[in-house]
Amino acid sequence: MYLSKSSTIKHIGFVSTRFKGTDGVSLETEKWRIVLEKMGFECFFFSGLSDWVPEKSRVIEEAFFGHPRIQEIQERCFGTTVRSRALTGEIQDIRHRLKLALYDYIDFFKIDLLIIENAVTIPMNIPLGLAITEVIAETGLPTIAHHHDFAWERQRFTVNAVEDYLSMAFPPRLHTINHVVINSEARKQLSYRCGLSSIIIPNVFDFSKEPPPLDDYGRSFRSDLGIKPDETLLLQPTRIIARKGIEHSIELASRLRDHKAKLLISHQERDEGSHYFNRTMEYAQLLGVDVIVRPDIIGPERGSTSDGRKKYCLWDCYLNADFVTYPSLYEGFGNAFLEAIWFRKPILVNRYSIFEQDIEPVDFDVVTMDSYITDDTLDAVRAILDTPEAVQMMTMKNFELGKRFFSFTLLEQRIKQVLMNFGQV
């Protein structure tokens, strides 16, 4: 099944645990799909959860990191240093089934090149990572491993009973794999820890398009969420997980009482459990901040609820927000940052390490904080909220910088660079 460098790549197979919703991996994969199809390739998808085109997708439930059996395996693999013989058997059993499914997917769609989206990067599904690695080793298929976040970037994976599996498949060291990372620190660490070279392809956005205007449908968004005309809407466009630093957004809203600030959290996914969610809500209650989390009327797409009410999407959140908060403690790159720039919204950013190294040098005009909110931070936010003319100039500058440094044009150039390693122009 090995594709020689003289062969022509036509069918590209994306593989991940999930292609659904608005998580960072799904969003970036969609951008790659758009660019690759524009370049003339046909794309197909293998995952454990999907809301993408069914006729081009293969869905195997145990490939999803949230599958009950996979979650049970995760709990028994981490936080301890010894695994049982029975656990090894379970991992190998699922690995075998996923491997057969991958072979069937490759054969059915006549896949010429694989793009692995984070599934051999962060060990959220160990059997899937093992299966992918073995398939690549046995077929010699040209592969791009697109890494978003590695195991060593998450403390919860430090103590484990699967060091042999992590060394084998997270990430794999195979000569047919070209590694792609999303920031310069990941490139350094991949080289230092694994001896692997890589190319940086940052997260991007389609800055060739203008953001949609606020239409009649979206104008009822604020009233449906109980936000009065004289109230300020702060948007936290992230999931509710600890590394997003949402407590800083709550503090900001509390200290902006003179602007009657409310905080909207757009994403309801709790991939890391409910403890941080509960803590966040309790903290907001202590500070007297109205935090809005409305999965009943905010989802991936516009539509209607079962009782006939409007359902809004993420874009409606941005269009109706007065200010975006992004106080993350750590990010692989920063999808929400680019989205805010595209929508021409002012933004507060915590200077997380990747922002400092890869984004800040571009000289975006944003409010920054270093680990905590100061009086200067508050003064800068208030000045923005009180001077809409300055906001227009600031956000236009940011849009043009985004267009120059983080556009689909850059993505196409970098993808072509990787494909040249496989003898493709």
Protein backbone atom coordinates (compact mmCIF):
# COMPACT_ATOMS: atom_id res chain seq x y z
CA MET A 1 0.00 0.00 0.00
CA TYR A 2 3.04 2.28 0.16
CA LEU A 3 2.71 5.36 -2.05
CA SER A 4 6.02 6.20 -3.68
CA LYS A 5 7.16 9.78 -4.15
CA SER A 6 6.41 9.51 -7.85
CA SER A 7 2.75 8.71 -7.18
CA THR A 8 0.09 11.39 -7.23
CA ILE A 9 -1.81 12.17 -4.06
CA LYS A 10 -5.52 12.62 -4.74
CA HIS A 11 -7.44 11.33 -1.70
CA ILE A 12 -6.54 12.68 1.74
CA GLY A 13 -7.77 10.94 4.88
CA PHE A 14 -8.16 12.96 8.07
CA VAL A 15 -8.13 10.93 11.30
CA SER A 16 -9.07 12.18 14.78
CA THR A 17 -11.13 11.30 17.81
CA ARG A 18 -13.82 13.89 16.97
CA PHE A 19 -14.93 15.99 14.03
CA LYS A 20 -17.88 17.76 15.58
CA GLY A 21 -18.73 21.09 17.17
CA THR A 22 -16.43 24.03 17.75
CA ASP A 23 -13.41 22.57 19.52
CA GLY A 24 -10.04 23.81 18.25
CA VAL A 25 -9.05 20.61 16.45
CA SER A 26 -12.33 20.38 14.54
CA LEU A 27 -12.16 24.06 13.59
CA GLU A 28 -8.60 23.84 12.31
CA THR A 29 -9.30 20.61 10.42
CA GLU A 30 -12.18 22.32 8.64
CA LYS A 31 -9.83 25.12 7.56
CA TRP A 32 -7.31 22.59 6.24
CA ARG A 33 -10.11 20.80 4.39
CA ILE A 34 -11.21 24.03 2.68
CA VAL A 35 -7.67 24.86 1.57
CA LEU A 36 -6.85 21.31 0.44
CA GLU A 37 -10.05 20.99 -1.59
CA LYS A 38 -9.28 24.36 -3.19
CA MET A 39 -5.89 22.86 -4.13
CA GLY A 40 -7.70 19.99 -5.89
CA PHE A 41 -7.60 17.20 -3.30
CA GLU A 42 -10.59 15.18 -2.11
CA CYS A 43 -10.89 14.78 1.66
CA PHE A 44 -12.36 12.00 3.80
CA PHE A 45 -12.74 11.63 7.56
CA PHE A 46 -12.31 8.93 10.22
CA SER A 47 -13.37 9.67 13.82
CA GLY A 48 -15.34 8.50 16.81
CA LEU A 49 -17.83 11.36 16.72
CA SER A 50 -18.84 13.39 13.69
CA ASP A 51 -21.42 15.78 12.29
CA TRP A 52 -19.57 16.10 8.97
CA VAL A 53 -20.62 14.84 5.52
CA PRO A 54 -21.72 11.21 6.15
CA GLU A 55 -20.83 9.89 2.69
CA LYS A 56 -17.22 11.03 3.19
CA SER A 57 -16.95 9.94 6.80
CA ARG A 58 -16.30 6.74 8.71
CA VAL A 59 -17.43 6.85 12.35
CA ILE A 60 -16.24 4.20 14.82
CA GLU A 61 -17.58 4.89 18.30
CA GLU A 62 -14.53 3.66 20.22
CA ALA A 63 -12.34 6.15 18.38
CA PHE A 64 -14.01 8.94 20.43
CA PHE A 65 -12.14 9.89 23.59
CA GLY A 66 -15.48 10.29 25.39
CA HIS A 67 -16.59 6.69 24.75
CA PRO A 68 -17.30 4.98 28.14
CA ARG A 69 -14.73 2.21 27.58
CA ILE A 70 -12.05 4.70 26.54
CA GLN A 71 -12.75 6.92 29.54
CA GLU A 72 -12.52 3.92 31.87
CA ILE A 73 -9.16 2.98 30.33
CA GLN A 74 -7.92 6.56 30.78
CA GLU A 75 -8.79 6.51 34.48
CA ARG A 76 -6.82 3.28 34.98
CA CYS A 77 -3.80 4.40 32.92
CA PHE A 78 -3.06 7.74 34.60
CA GLY A 79 -2.36 8.59 38.21
CA THR A 80 -0.63 5.24 38.72
CA THR A 81 2.62 3.68 37.50
CA VAL A 82 1.61 0.03 37.05
CA ARG A 83 -1.12 -1.37 34.81
CA SER A 84 -2.71 -4.77 35.12
CA ARG A 85 -2.43 -7.54 32.58
CA ALA A 86 -6.19 -7.24 32.08
CA LEU A 87 -5.90 -3.53 31.25
CA THR A 88 -3.21 -4.27 28.67
CA GLY A 89 -5.56 -6.84 27.14
CA GLU A 90 -8.41 -4.33 26.93
CA ILE A 91 -6.19 -1.72 25.27
CA GLN A 92 -4.93 -4.25 22.74
CA ASP A 93 -8.43 -5.54 22.03
CA ILE A 94 -9.73 -2.07 21.14
CA ARG A 95 -6.50 -1.27 19.27
CA HIS A 96 -7.04 -4.33 17.08
CA ARG A 97 -10.64 -3.38 16.21
CA LEU A 98 -9.70 0.24 15.46
CA LYS A 99 -6.79 -0.93 13.32
CA LEU A 100 -9.10 -3.09 11.19
CA ALA A 101 -11.50 -0.15 10.87
CA LEU A 102 -8.65 2.13 9.74
CA TYR A 103 -7.56 -0.38 7.09
CA ASP A 104 -11.14 -0.60 5.84
CA TYR A 105 -11.41 3.21 5.76
CA ILE A 106 -8.14 3.54 3.81
CA ASP A 107 -9.14 0.85 1.31
CA PHE A 108 -12.74 2.02 0.84
CA PHE A 109 -11.87 5.67 0.18
CA LYS A 110 -8.57 4.86 -1.58
CA ILE A 111 -6.61 7.12 0.77
CA ASP A 112 -3.24 8.30 -0.57
CA LEU A 113 -2.14 10.43 2.38
CA LEU A 114 -3.17 10.56 6.04
CA ILE A 115 -3.46 13.68 8.17
CA ILE A 116 -3.67 12.75 11.85
CA GLU A 117 -5.31 15.51 13.85
CA ASN A 118 -3.99 15.36 17.43
CA ALA A 119 -4.75 11.63 17.77
CA VAL A 120 -1.04 10.74 18.04
CA THR A 121 -0.27 13.86 20.06
CA ILE A 122 -2.27 13.99 23.29
CA PRO A 123 -3.09 10.53 24.76
CA MET A 124 -6.84 10.95 25.13
CA ASN A 125 -7.43 7.64 23.33
CA ILE A 126 -4.46 5.29 23.69
CA PRO A 127 -5.87 2.38 21.61
CA LEU A 128 -6.53 4.77 18.69
CA GLY A 129 -3.01 6.20 18.80
CA LEU A 130 -1.53 2.69 18.82
CA ALA A 131 -3.75 1.59 15.94
CA ILE A 132 -2.83 4.62 13.82
CA THR A 133 0.88 4.12 14.47
CA GLU A 134 0.79 0.45 13.48
CA VAL A 135 -1.19 1.16 10.30
CA ILE A 136 1.34 3.80 9.22
CA ALA A 137 4.25 1.48 10.04
CA GLU A 138 2.69 -1.41 8.08
CA THR A 139 1.52 0.55 5.02
CA GLY A 140 4.20 3.22 4.68
CA LEU A 141 1.44 5.69 3.83
CA PRO A 142 2.67 9.29 3.62
CA THR A 143 1.39 10.97 6.77
CA ILE A 144 1.15 14.44 8.23
CA ALA A 145 0.89 14.38 12.03
CA HIS A 146 -0.79 17.67 12.93
CA HIS A 147 0.00 18.24 16.61
CA HIS A 148 -2.12 20.61 18.69
CA ASP A 149 -1.14 19.75 22.29
CA PHE A 150 1.31 17.16 23.59
CA ALA A 151 1.11 14.96 26.69
CA TRP A 152 4.01 16.82 28.34
CA GLU A 153 1.94 20.03 28.20
CA ARG A 154 -0.68 18.56 30.56
CA GLN A 155 0.14 17.77 34.18
CA ARG A 156 -2.51 15.04 34.42
CA PHE A 157 -0.49 12.79 32.08
CA THR A 158 2.77 13.03 34.06
CA VAL A 159 2.14 10.01 36.30
CA ASN A 160 1.12 7.07 34.13
CA ALA A 161 1.30 3.32 33.59
CA VAL A 162 1.63 3.56 29.80
CA GLU A 163 5.04 5.07 29.22
CA ASP A 164 5.76 2.35 26.66
CA TYR A 165 2.66 3.33 24.66
CA LEU A 166 3.40 7.06 24.94
CA SER A 167 6.93 6.48 23.63
CA MET A 168 5.60 4.40 20.75
CA ALA A 169 2.67 6.46 19.54
CA PHE A 170 2.46 9.93 21.14
CA PRO A 171 4.05 10.92 18.82
CA PRO A 172 5.33 8.04 16.63
CA ARG A 173 8.85 8.10 15.21
CA LEU A 174 8.33 6.80 11.67
CA HIS A 175 10.14 7.95 8.54
CA THR A 176 6.94 8.40 6.49
CA ILE A 177 5.51 10.93 8.97
CA ASN A 178 6.01 14.67 8.56
CA HIS A 179 5.30 16.48 11.81
CA VAL A 180 3.42 19.80 11.95
CA VAL A 181 3.14 21.87 15.13
CA ILE A 182 1.19 25.07 15.78
CA ASN A 183 3.77 27.09 17.71
CA SER A 184 7.51 27.56 18.13
CA GLU A 185 7.68 26.13 21.68
CA ALA A 186 6.11 22.88 20.51
CA ARG A 187 8.70 22.69 17.75
CA LYS A 188 11.53 23.08 20.28
CA GLN A 189 10.07 20.52 22.68
CA LEU A 190 9.36 17.96 19.95
CA SER A 191 12.97 18.18 18.85
CA TYR A 192 14.39 18.12 22.39
CA ARG A 193 12.20 15.31 23.76
CA CYS A 194 11.76 13.12 20.67
CA GLY A 195 14.52 14.09 18.25
CA LEU A 196 11.89 14.91 15.62
CA SER A 197 11.97 17.86 13.22
CA SER A 198 8.76 19.70 12.37
CA ILE A 199 7.31 22.65 10.53
CA ILE A 200 5.21 25.34 12.20
CA ILE A 201 1.78 25.97 10.73
CA PRO A 202 -0.06 28.34 13.08
CA ASN A 203 -3.80 28.41 13.49
CA VAL A 204 -5.31 30.59 10.78
CA PHE A 205 -8.55 32.28 9.78
CA ASP A 206 -10.10 33.22 6.44
CA PHE A 207 -9.34 36.93 6.54
CA SER A 208 -10.19 37.21 2.83
CA LYS A 209 -13.84 37.31 3.90
CA GLU A 210 -15.57 40.04 5.84
CA PRO A 211 -17.40 38.99 9.03
CA PRO A 212 -21.19 38.79 8.67
CA PRO A 213 -23.18 41.85 9.72
CA LEU A 214 -25.57 41.79 12.66
CA ASP A 215 -28.83 40.79 10.96
CA ASP A 216 -32.46 40.84 12.11
CA TYR A 217 -32.17 37.28 13.44
CA GLY A 218 -29.22 38.15 15.66
CA ARG A 219 -30.61 41.43 16.97
CA SER A 220 -32.83 39.61 19.48
CA PHE A 221 -29.83 37.76 20.94
CA ARG A 222 -29.17 40.15 23.82
CA SER A 223 -32.81 40.47 24.86
CA ASP A 224 -33.26 36.68 24.72
CA LEU A 225 -30.31 36.36 27.10
CA GLY A 226 -31.73 39.01 29.43
CA ILE A 227 -29.12 41.67 28.61
CA LYS A 228 -30.44 45.23 28.80
CA PRO A 229 -29.42 47.94 26.29
CA ASP A 230 -27.33 49.81 28.89
CA GLU A 231 -25.46 46.68 30.05
CA THR A 232 -21.99 45.66 28.79
CA LEU A 233 -21.62 42.16 27.42
CA LEU A 234 -18.22 40.54 27.94
CA LEU A 235 -17.69 37.39 25.87
CA GLN A 236 -15.51 34.48 27.00
CA PRO A 237 -15.43 32.43 23.74
CA THR A 238 -13.98 29.22 25.22
CA ARG A 239 -14.83 25.95 26.88
CA ILE A 240 -15.17 25.90 30.68
CA ILE A 241 -11.84 24.31 31.63
CA ALA A 242 -9.24 25.44 34.15
CA ARG A 243 -6.52 26.57 31.74
CA LYS A 244 -8.90 29.16 30.22
CA GLY A 245 -8.56 31.33 33.35
CA ILE A 246 -12.25 32.26 33.42
CA GLU A 247 -11.96 33.52 37.01
CA HIS A 248 -10.06 36.54 35.61
CA SER A 249 -12.98 37.35 33.31
CA ILE A 250 -15.31 37.12 36.29
CA GLU A 251 -13.09 39.50 38.26
CA LEU A 252 -13.04 41.92 35.32
CA ALA A 253 -16.85 41.88 35.14
CA SER A 254 -17.05 42.46 38.89
CA ARG A 255 -14.73 45.47 38.70
CA LEU A 256 -16.67 46.90 35.75
CA ARG A 257 -19.81 47.47 37.80
CA ASP A 258 -19.88 51.06 36.54
CA HIS A 259 -20.47 49.57 33.07
CA LYS A 260 -23.02 47.01 34.31
CA ALA A 261 -20.93 44.17 32.90
CA LYS A 262 -22.22 40.63 32.37
CA LEU A 263 -20.12 37.67 31.26
CA LEU A 264 -21.23 35.24 28.55
CA ILE A 265 -19.38 31.92 28.19
CA SER A 266 -20.07 30.63 24.70
CA HIS A 267 -18.98 26.96 24.91
CA GLN A 268 -20.63 24.53 27.27
CA GLU A 269 -18.32 21.51 26.76
CA ARG A 270 -16.68 20.26 29.95
CA ASP A 271 -14.05 17.89 28.53
CA GLU A 272 -12.22 17.83 31.86
CA GLY A 273 -15.19 17.25 34.18
CA SER A 274 -17.48 19.55 36.18
CA HIS A 275 -15.23 20.56 39.11
CA TYR A 276 -13.91 23.71 37.44
CA PHE A 277 -17.38 24.61 36.14
CA ASN A 278 -18.82 24.40 39.67
CA ARG A 279 -15.92 26.38 41.07
CA THR A 280 -16.38 29.06 38.39
CA MET A 281 -20.08 29.46 39.10
CA GLU A 282 -19.47 29.67 42.85
CA TYR A 283 -16.76 32.29 42.34
CA ALA A 284 -19.10 34.38 40.18
CA GLN A 285 -21.75 34.17 42.87
CA LEU A 286 -19.25 35.34 45.51
CA LEU A 287 -18.36 38.39 43.38
CA GLY A 288 -21.96 39.08 42.40
CA VAL A 289 -21.34 38.61 38.68
CA ASP A 290 -24.04 37.47 36.30
CA VAL A 291 -22.43 34.67 34.28
CA ILE A 292 -24.50 33.50 31.32
CA VAL A 293 -24.17 29.88 30.19
CA ARG A 294 -27.06 29.00 27.89
CA PRO A 295 -26.62 25.71 26.01
CA ASP A 296 -30.40 25.66 25.55
CA ILE A 297 -30.27 28.55 23.04
CA ILE A 298 -26.58 28.72 22.01
CA GLY A 299 -25.20 25.90 19.87
CA PRO A 300 -22.99 25.17 16.87
CA GLU A 301 -25.61 26.46 14.42
CA ARG A 302 -28.68 28.63 14.31
CA GLY A 303 -31.99 26.83 14.55
CA SER A 304 -34.98 26.33 16.82
CA THR A 305 -35.41 24.75 20.22
CA SER A 306 -38.02 22.05 20.82
CA ASP A 307 -40.40 24.69 22.16
CA GLY A 308 -39.94 27.01 19.16
CA ARG A 309 -37.45 29.55 20.52
CA LYS A 310 -34.54 30.88 18.48
CA LYS A 311 -31.23 29.05 18.77
CA TYR A 312 -28.10 31.11 18.19
CA CYS A 313 -24.53 30.23 17.14
CA LEU A 314 -21.03 31.34 18.15
CA TRP A 315 -21.00 34.07 15.49
CA ASP A 316 -24.08 35.65 17.15
CA CYS A 317 -22.11 35.76 20.41
CA TYR A 318 -19.27 37.71 18.80
CA LEU A 319 -21.55 40.06 16.88
CA ASN A 320 -23.41 41.06 20.04
CA ALA A 321 -20.40 41.28 22.37
CA ASP A 322 -18.95 44.62 23.48
CA PHE A 323 -15.62 43.17 24.54
CA VAL A 324 -13.86 39.76 24.37
CA THR A 325 -11.97 38.25 27.30
CA TYR A 326 -9.20 35.72 26.69
CA PRO A 327 -7.28 35.32 29.96
CA SER A 328 -5.96 31.80 29.23
CA LEU A 329 -3.15 30.43 31.36
CA TYR A 330 -2.01 28.26 28.45
CA GLU A 331 -3.00 27.83 24.80
CA GLY A 332 -1.48 25.82 21.96
CA PHE A 333 -2.12 28.86 19.81
CA GLY A 334 -5.41 30.73 20.15
CA ASN A 335 -8.38 30.19 17.82
CA ALA A 336 -10.60 32.51 19.82
CA PHE A 337 -8.02 35.28 19.53
CA LEU A 338 -8.13 35.13 15.73
CA GLU A 339 -11.94 34.98 15.76
CA ALA A 340 -12.12 38.15 17.88
CA ILE A 341 -9.67 39.89 15.53
CA TRP A 342 -11.77 38.82 12.51
CA PHE A 343 -14.96 40.19 14.10
CA ARG A 344 -13.10 43.43 14.87
CA LYS A 345 -13.74 43.17 18.59
CA PRO A 346 -11.47 44.64 21.28
CA ILE A 347 -9.87 41.94 23.39
CA LEU A 348 -8.12 41.34 26.71
CA VAL A 349 -5.36 38.69 26.56
CA ASN A 350 -3.35 37.11 29.33
CA ARG A 351 0.23 36.93 28.04
CA TYR A 352 0.43 33.14 27.97
CA SER A 353 3.76 31.80 26.71
CA ILE A 354 2.72 31.06 23.11
CA PHE A 355 1.12 34.50 22.80
CA GLU A 356 4.38 36.09 23.91
CA GLN A 357 6.49 34.07 21.48
CA ASP A 358 4.35 33.77 18.34
CA ILE A 359 1.56 36.37 18.40
CA GLU A 360 2.63 39.43 20.39
CA PRO A 361 5.62 40.22 18.08
CA VAL A 362 3.11 40.88 15.28
CA ASP A 363 2.08 43.97 17.31
CA PHE A 364 -1.67 43.51 17.64
CA ASP A 365 -3.36 46.36 19.51
CA VAL A 366 -4.93 44.55 22.47
CA VAL A 367 -5.21 44.92 26.24
CA THR A 368 -2.77 42.56 27.94
CA MET A 369 -2.41 41.26 31.48
CA ASP A 370 0.37 39.30 33.17
CA SER A 371 -1.31 36.59 35.27
CA TYR A 372 -3.65 38.98 37.08
CA ILE A 373 -5.78 42.09 36.50
CA THR A 374 -4.33 45.41 37.62
CA ASP A 375 -5.73 48.93 37.83
CA ASP A 376 -3.93 49.67 34.55
CA THR A 377 -5.74 46.74 32.95
CA LEU A 378 -9.07 48.11 34.13
CA ASP A 379 -8.25 51.63 32.94
CA ALA A 380 -7.37 50.29 29.47
CA VAL A 381 -10.62 48.30 29.22
CA ARG A 382 -12.70 51.25 30.43
CA ALA A 383 -11.02 53.56 27.89
CA ILE A 384 -11.98 51.15 25.10
CA LEU A 385 -15.58 50.81 26.27
CA ASP A 386 -15.91 54.60 26.52
CA THR A 387 -14.35 55.51 23.14
CA PRO A 388 -15.93 53.65 20.21
CA GLU A 389 -13.93 55.74 17.70
CA ALA A 390 -10.65 54.38 19.08
CA VAL A 391 -12.06 50.84 18.96
CA GLN A 392 -12.67 51.17 15.22
CA MET A 393 -9.08 52.17 14.51
CA MET A 394 -7.66 49.52 16.82
CA THR A 395 -9.72 46.66 15.42
CA MET A 396 -9.12 47.64 11.79
CA LYS A 397 -5.36 47.55 12.42
CA ASN A 398 -5.71 44.11 14.04
CA PHE A 399 -7.77 42.78 11.14
CA GLU A 400 -5.11 43.82 8.61
CA LEU A 401 -2.36 42.20 10.70
CA GLY A 402 -4.39 39.00 10.92
CA LYS A 403 -4.85 39.03 7.17
CA ARG A 404 -1.11 39.40 6.67
CA PHE A 405 0.20 36.83 9.16
CA PHE A 406 -2.56 34.29 9.89
CA SER A 407 -4.59 33.88 6.69
CA PHE A 408 -5.57 30.93 4.49
CA THR A 409 -2.89 32.11 2.05
CA LEU A 410 -0.23 31.32 4.66
CA LEU A 411 -1.85 27.93 5.33
CA GLU A 412 -1.77 27.01 1.63
CA GLN A 413 1.89 28.00 1.35
CA ARG A 414 2.87 25.90 4.38
CA ILE A 415 0.84 22.87 3.27
CA LYS A 416 2.56 23.00 -0.13
CA GLN A 417 5.88 23.07 1.71
CA VAL A 418 4.99 19.84 3.56
CA LEU A 419 3.62 18.13 0.44
CA MET A 420 6.91 18.80 -1.34
CA ASN A 421 8.46 16.30 1.09
CA PHE A 422 6.22 13.67 -0.46
CA GLY A 423 7.19 14.64 -4.00
CA GLN A 424 4.03 16.68 -4.51
CA VAL A 425 3.97 20.24 -5.87
